[in-house]
N, C-alpha and C. Protein backbone atom coordinates (compact mmCIF):
# COMPACT_ATOMS: atom_id res chain seq x y z
N UNK A 1 6.88 -13.43 10.12
CA UNK A 1 6.17 -13.05 8.91
C UNK A 1 5.21 -11.90 9.24
N UNK A 2 5.24 -10.90 8.40
CA UNK A 2 4.38 -9.74 8.55
C UNK A 2 3.25 -9.86 7.52
N UNK A 3 2.02 -9.57 7.95
CA UNK A 3 0.88 -9.56 7.03
C UNK A 3 0.72 -8.12 6.55
N UNK A 4 0.84 -7.92 5.24
CA UNK A 4 0.83 -6.57 4.65
C UNK A 4 -0.34 -6.43 3.69
N UNK A 5 -1.22 -5.49 3.98
CA UNK A 5 -2.33 -5.16 3.08
C UNK A 5 -1.84 -4.05 2.16
N UNK A 6 -2.09 -4.19 0.86
CA UNK A 6 -1.64 -3.21 -0.12
C UNK A 6 -2.86 -2.51 -0.72
N UNK A 7 -2.95 -1.20 -0.47
CA UNK A 7 -4.04 -0.38 -0.99
C UNK A 7 -3.50 0.46 -2.15
N UNK A 8 -4.35 0.68 -3.14
CA UNK A 8 -3.92 1.48 -4.30
C UNK A 8 -5.13 1.85 -5.15
N UNK A 9 -4.95 2.86 -5.97
CA UNK A 9 -5.96 3.24 -6.95
C UNK A 9 -5.89 2.26 -8.12
N UNK A 10 -6.92 2.25 -8.92
CA UNK A 10 -6.90 1.39 -10.11
C UNK A 10 -6.46 2.18 -11.34
N UNK A 11 -5.98 3.40 -11.15
CA UNK A 11 -5.66 4.31 -12.25
C UNK A 11 -4.27 4.10 -12.86
N UNK A 12 -3.59 3.02 -12.51
CA UNK A 12 -2.27 2.76 -13.09
C UNK A 12 -2.07 1.25 -13.19
N UNK A 13 -0.98 0.85 -13.79
CA UNK A 13 -0.69 -0.58 -13.98
C UNK A 13 -0.14 -1.17 -12.69
N UNK A 14 -1.00 -1.32 -11.68
CA UNK A 14 -0.57 -1.79 -10.37
C UNK A 14 -0.04 -3.21 -10.41
N UNK A 15 -0.52 -4.03 -11.35
CA UNK A 15 -0.02 -5.41 -11.42
C UNK A 15 1.49 -5.44 -11.64
N UNK A 16 1.98 -4.61 -12.59
CA UNK A 16 3.40 -4.61 -12.93
C UNK A 16 4.21 -3.63 -12.11
N UNK A 17 3.63 -2.49 -11.79
CA UNK A 17 4.39 -1.44 -11.10
C UNK A 17 4.39 -1.58 -9.58
N UNK A 18 3.47 -2.36 -9.05
CA UNK A 18 3.37 -2.49 -7.60
C UNK A 18 3.38 -3.95 -7.15
N UNK A 19 2.43 -4.73 -7.63
CA UNK A 19 2.30 -6.12 -7.17
C UNK A 19 3.55 -6.96 -7.46
N UNK A 20 4.00 -6.97 -8.71
CA UNK A 20 5.15 -7.82 -9.05
C UNK A 20 6.41 -7.47 -8.27
N UNK A 21 6.79 -6.19 -8.17
CA UNK A 21 7.98 -5.89 -7.36
C UNK A 21 7.82 -6.29 -5.90
N UNK A 22 6.62 -6.07 -5.34
CA UNK A 22 6.39 -6.45 -3.94
C UNK A 22 6.45 -7.96 -3.77
N UNK A 23 5.80 -8.70 -4.67
CA UNK A 23 5.80 -10.17 -4.57
C UNK A 23 7.21 -10.73 -4.71
N UNK A 24 7.98 -10.16 -5.59
CA UNK A 24 9.34 -10.63 -5.81
C UNK A 24 10.23 -10.39 -4.59
N UNK A 25 10.06 -9.25 -3.94
CA UNK A 25 10.95 -8.86 -2.85
C UNK A 25 10.48 -9.33 -1.48
N UNK A 26 9.19 -9.32 -1.24
CA UNK A 26 8.67 -9.62 0.09
C UNK A 26 7.92 -10.94 0.15
N UNK A 27 8.44 -11.94 -0.55
CA UNK A 27 7.79 -13.25 -0.59
C UNK A 27 7.78 -13.95 0.77
N UNK A 28 8.64 -13.52 1.69
CA UNK A 28 8.67 -14.13 3.02
C UNK A 28 7.55 -13.61 3.92
N UNK A 29 6.83 -12.60 3.46
CA UNK A 29 5.70 -12.04 4.19
C UNK A 29 4.40 -12.39 3.46
N UNK A 30 3.30 -12.26 4.15
CA UNK A 30 2.00 -12.47 3.49
C UNK A 30 1.51 -11.13 2.94
N UNK A 31 1.41 -11.06 1.64
CA UNK A 31 0.92 -9.85 0.98
C UNK A 31 -0.55 -10.04 0.63
N UNK A 32 -1.38 -9.12 1.06
CA UNK A 32 -2.79 -9.14 0.68
C UNK A 32 -2.93 -8.13 -0.45
N UNK A 33 -3.09 -8.66 -1.66
CA UNK A 33 -3.18 -7.86 -2.87
C UNK A 33 -4.62 -7.96 -3.36
N UNK A 34 -5.45 -6.97 -3.03
CA UNK A 34 -6.89 -7.11 -3.24
C UNK A 34 -7.35 -7.26 -4.68
N UNK A 35 -6.50 -6.91 -5.64
CA UNK A 35 -6.93 -7.01 -7.04
C UNK A 35 -6.12 -8.00 -7.84
N UNK A 36 -5.44 -8.93 -7.16
CA UNK A 36 -4.65 -9.92 -7.88
C UNK A 36 -5.58 -10.89 -8.62
N UNK A 37 -6.71 -11.18 -8.03
CA UNK A 37 -7.70 -12.04 -8.67
C UNK A 37 -8.98 -11.22 -8.83
N UNK A 38 -9.22 -10.74 -10.02
CA UNK A 38 -10.34 -9.84 -10.26
C UNK A 38 -11.70 -10.54 -10.25
N UNK A 39 -11.71 -11.87 -10.15
CA UNK A 39 -12.99 -12.59 -10.15
C UNK A 39 -13.58 -12.70 -8.75
N UNK A 40 -12.75 -12.65 -7.73
CA UNK A 40 -13.20 -12.78 -6.35
C UNK A 40 -13.00 -11.46 -5.60
N UNK A 41 -14.08 -10.82 -5.16
CA UNK A 41 -13.91 -9.59 -4.39
C UNK A 41 -13.29 -9.88 -3.02
N UNK A 42 -12.49 -8.96 -2.54
CA UNK A 42 -11.82 -9.10 -1.25
C UNK A 42 -12.54 -8.20 -0.25
N UNK A 43 -12.85 -8.73 0.92
CA UNK A 43 -13.41 -7.93 1.99
C UNK A 43 -12.24 -7.16 2.60
N UNK A 44 -12.03 -5.94 2.12
CA UNK A 44 -10.84 -5.19 2.52
C UNK A 44 -10.87 -4.81 4.00
N UNK A 45 -12.04 -4.59 4.55
CA UNK A 45 -12.12 -4.27 5.98
C UNK A 45 -11.59 -5.43 6.80
N UNK A 46 -12.03 -6.64 6.50
CA UNK A 46 -11.55 -7.83 7.22
C UNK A 46 -10.05 -8.05 6.97
N UNK A 47 -9.61 -7.81 5.75
CA UNK A 47 -8.19 -7.99 5.42
C UNK A 47 -7.32 -7.00 6.19
N UNK A 48 -7.77 -5.77 6.30
CA UNK A 48 -7.02 -4.76 7.06
C UNK A 48 -6.99 -5.14 8.53
N UNK A 49 -8.09 -5.67 9.05
CA UNK A 49 -8.15 -6.08 10.47
C UNK A 49 -7.08 -7.13 10.79
N UNK A 50 -6.81 -8.04 9.86
CA UNK A 50 -5.83 -9.10 10.15
C UNK A 50 -4.41 -8.74 9.71
N UNK A 51 -4.25 -7.54 9.17
CA UNK A 51 -2.93 -7.09 8.72
C UNK A 51 -2.11 -6.51 9.87
N UNK A 52 -0.80 -6.60 9.69
CA UNK A 52 0.13 -5.97 10.63
C UNK A 52 0.53 -4.58 10.14
N UNK A 53 0.41 -4.37 8.83
CA UNK A 53 0.89 -3.14 8.19
C UNK A 53 0.05 -2.88 6.95
N UNK A 54 -0.19 -1.60 6.66
CA UNK A 54 -0.87 -1.22 5.42
C UNK A 54 0.09 -0.39 4.58
N UNK A 55 0.32 -0.86 3.36
CA UNK A 55 1.08 -0.10 2.37
C UNK A 55 0.05 0.53 1.44
N UNK A 56 0.15 1.83 1.23
CA UNK A 56 -0.82 2.52 0.38
C UNK A 56 -0.09 3.30 -0.70
N UNK A 57 -0.30 2.91 -1.95
CA UNK A 57 0.25 3.67 -3.07
C UNK A 57 -0.76 4.79 -3.31
N UNK A 58 -0.34 6.03 -3.03
CA UNK A 58 -1.26 7.17 -3.02
C UNK A 58 -0.96 8.22 -4.10
N UNK A 59 -0.22 7.84 -5.11
CA UNK A 59 0.08 8.78 -6.19
C UNK A 59 -1.19 9.27 -6.87
N UNK A 60 -2.14 8.36 -7.06
CA UNK A 60 -3.38 8.70 -7.74
C UNK A 60 -4.52 8.78 -6.73
N UNK A 61 -5.33 9.83 -6.78
CA UNK A 61 -6.45 9.94 -5.84
C UNK A 61 -7.41 8.77 -6.00
N UNK A 62 -7.95 8.30 -4.88
CA UNK A 62 -8.87 7.18 -4.90
C UNK A 62 -9.75 7.21 -3.66
N UNK A 63 -11.05 7.26 -3.86
CA UNK A 63 -11.98 7.23 -2.74
C UNK A 63 -11.84 5.93 -1.97
N UNK A 64 -11.71 4.81 -2.68
CA UNK A 64 -11.57 3.51 -2.04
C UNK A 64 -10.35 3.44 -1.14
N UNK A 65 -9.24 3.96 -1.61
CA UNK A 65 -8.02 3.96 -0.78
C UNK A 65 -8.24 4.84 0.45
N UNK A 66 -8.90 5.96 0.27
CA UNK A 66 -9.20 6.83 1.41
C UNK A 66 -10.02 6.11 2.47
N UNK A 67 -11.01 5.36 2.04
CA UNK A 67 -11.84 4.58 2.98
C UNK A 67 -10.98 3.52 3.67
N UNK A 68 -10.17 2.81 2.91
CA UNK A 68 -9.32 1.77 3.50
C UNK A 68 -8.32 2.37 4.50
N UNK A 69 -7.77 3.52 4.19
CA UNK A 69 -6.84 4.16 5.12
C UNK A 69 -7.56 4.66 6.36
N UNK A 70 -8.80 5.08 6.21
CA UNK A 70 -9.60 5.45 7.38
C UNK A 70 -9.80 4.27 8.31
N UNK A 71 -10.12 3.11 7.73
CA UNK A 71 -10.27 1.89 8.54
C UNK A 71 -8.95 1.55 9.23
N UNK A 72 -7.86 1.58 8.47
CA UNK A 72 -6.55 1.24 9.04
C UNK A 72 -6.21 2.19 10.18
N UNK A 73 -6.47 3.46 10.00
CA UNK A 73 -6.19 4.44 11.04
C UNK A 73 -7.05 4.18 12.27
N UNK A 74 -8.31 3.89 12.07
CA UNK A 74 -9.22 3.59 13.17
C UNK A 74 -8.77 2.37 13.96
N UNK A 75 -8.19 1.40 13.25
CA UNK A 75 -7.72 0.16 13.88
C UNK A 75 -6.28 0.27 14.40
N UNK A 76 -5.71 1.47 14.32
CA UNK A 76 -4.33 1.71 14.76
C UNK A 76 -3.31 0.84 14.04
N UNK A 77 -3.55 0.59 12.76
CA UNK A 77 -2.59 -0.16 11.95
C UNK A 77 -1.53 0.82 11.43
N UNK A 78 -0.26 0.44 11.45
CA UNK A 78 0.76 1.30 10.87
C UNK A 78 0.51 1.43 9.36
N UNK A 79 0.70 2.63 8.85
CA UNK A 79 0.47 2.91 7.43
C UNK A 79 1.72 3.53 6.84
N UNK A 80 2.17 2.95 5.73
CA UNK A 80 3.26 3.55 4.95
C UNK A 80 2.66 3.97 3.63
N UNK A 81 2.80 5.25 3.29
CA UNK A 81 2.30 5.76 2.02
C UNK A 81 3.44 5.76 1.00
N UNK A 82 3.14 5.29 -0.20
CA UNK A 82 4.09 5.30 -1.31
C UNK A 82 3.60 6.33 -2.31
N UNK A 83 4.48 7.23 -2.73
CA UNK A 83 4.08 8.30 -3.63
C UNK A 83 5.21 8.60 -4.60
N UNK A 84 4.89 8.64 -5.88
CA UNK A 84 5.93 8.99 -6.86
C UNK A 84 6.49 10.37 -6.54
N UNK A 85 7.76 10.53 -6.81
CA UNK A 85 8.47 11.75 -6.41
C UNK A 85 7.89 13.02 -7.02
N UNK A 86 7.24 12.91 -8.16
CA UNK A 86 6.73 14.11 -8.84
C UNK A 86 5.23 14.35 -8.59
N UNK A 87 4.64 13.57 -7.70
CA UNK A 87 3.21 13.71 -7.38
C UNK A 87 3.04 14.51 -6.10
N UNK A 88 1.92 15.17 -5.99
CA UNK A 88 1.61 15.94 -4.79
C UNK A 88 0.81 15.06 -3.83
N UNK A 89 1.29 14.97 -2.62
CA UNK A 89 0.63 14.16 -1.60
C UNK A 89 -0.49 14.97 -0.96
N UNK A 90 -1.64 14.37 -0.80
CA UNK A 90 -2.78 15.01 -0.15
C UNK A 90 -2.41 15.38 1.28
N UNK A 91 -2.71 16.60 1.67
CA UNK A 91 -2.37 17.04 3.03
C UNK A 91 -3.14 16.25 4.09
N UNK A 92 -4.33 15.77 3.78
CA UNK A 92 -5.09 14.99 4.76
C UNK A 92 -4.42 13.64 5.03
N UNK A 93 -3.70 13.11 4.04
CA UNK A 93 -3.00 11.83 4.26
C UNK A 93 -1.88 11.97 5.28
N UNK A 94 -1.24 13.10 5.28
CA UNK A 94 -0.11 13.28 6.20
C UNK A 94 -0.55 13.20 7.66
N UNK A 95 -1.84 13.37 7.92
CA UNK A 95 -2.35 13.29 9.29
C UNK A 95 -2.49 11.86 9.79
N UNK A 96 -2.60 10.89 8.87
CA UNK A 96 -2.85 9.51 9.32
C UNK A 96 -1.73 8.53 8.98
N UNK A 97 -0.87 8.85 8.04
CA UNK A 97 0.19 7.90 7.69
C UNK A 97 1.39 8.07 8.61
N UNK A 98 2.02 6.97 8.91
CA UNK A 98 3.19 7.01 9.77
C UNK A 98 4.45 7.44 9.03
N UNK A 99 4.51 7.06 7.77
CA UNK A 99 5.71 7.34 6.97
C UNK A 99 5.31 7.50 5.52
N UNK A 100 6.00 8.40 4.83
CA UNK A 100 5.78 8.59 3.39
C UNK A 100 7.08 8.27 2.68
N UNK A 101 6.99 7.43 1.66
CA UNK A 101 8.15 7.10 0.84
C UNK A 101 7.90 7.69 -0.54
N UNK A 102 8.72 8.66 -0.92
CA UNK A 102 8.67 9.23 -2.27
C UNK A 102 9.67 8.45 -3.12
N UNK A 103 9.23 7.93 -4.25
CA UNK A 103 10.10 7.08 -5.06
C UNK A 103 10.08 7.50 -6.52
N UNK A 104 11.13 7.12 -7.24
CA UNK A 104 11.26 7.46 -8.67
C UNK A 104 10.74 6.35 -9.58
N UNK A 105 10.99 5.10 -9.19
CA UNK A 105 10.55 3.95 -9.99
C UNK A 105 10.43 2.75 -9.05
N UNK A 106 10.04 1.62 -9.59
CA UNK A 106 9.82 0.43 -8.76
C UNK A 106 11.08 0.02 -8.00
N UNK A 107 12.22 0.11 -8.64
CA UNK A 107 13.48 -0.27 -7.98
C UNK A 107 13.74 0.62 -6.76
N UNK A 108 13.53 1.92 -6.93
CA UNK A 108 13.73 2.87 -5.83
C UNK A 108 12.71 2.61 -4.71
N UNK A 109 11.46 2.35 -5.08
CA UNK A 109 10.42 2.06 -4.09
C UNK A 109 10.82 0.84 -3.25
N UNK A 110 11.21 -0.23 -3.91
CA UNK A 110 11.60 -1.46 -3.22
C UNK A 110 12.81 -1.23 -2.34
N UNK A 111 13.78 -0.53 -2.83
CA UNK A 111 14.99 -0.25 -2.05
C UNK A 111 14.65 0.47 -0.75
N UNK A 112 13.78 1.46 -0.85
CA UNK A 112 13.40 2.20 0.37
C UNK A 112 12.54 1.35 1.30
N UNK A 113 11.65 0.54 0.74
CA UNK A 113 10.82 -0.33 1.57
C UNK A 113 11.66 -1.37 2.31
N UNK A 114 12.70 -1.88 1.67
CA UNK A 114 13.55 -2.88 2.30
C UNK A 114 14.24 -2.34 3.55
N UNK A 115 14.42 -1.03 3.62
CA UNK A 115 15.02 -0.42 4.80
C UNK A 115 14.04 -0.36 5.96
N UNK A 116 12.74 -0.47 5.65
CA UNK A 116 11.70 -0.35 6.66
C UNK A 116 11.08 -1.68 7.04
N UNK A 117 10.89 -2.56 6.03
CA UNK A 117 10.24 -3.85 6.26
C UNK A 117 11.31 -4.93 6.17
N UNK A 118 11.44 -5.71 7.20
CA UNK A 118 12.49 -6.75 7.22
C UNK A 118 11.88 -8.13 7.17
């Protein structure tokens, strides 16, 4: 089982476009979804420390995601960036992420992730 921390901006419907497809496909792994329960804040630094992998949806700019990716990079955690095919990826992200997956929709994102995460 792989522990996967999922970082993302709040600027899109992450519950349906990110969380649900990931939960459906990667149920055999532990997914840390920091905004699944909006009543309880998640200590993302501690969550990243116990993660084996960080998935970061980076289509939308987010200071919080940048901070989380900085922590992950500092801790030498592997980072996979997810970015919609028509979005421009920040050049600074390319310096710290191990892999970038450009996707068209949730089905395409999951298909590509399944080739990387087993």
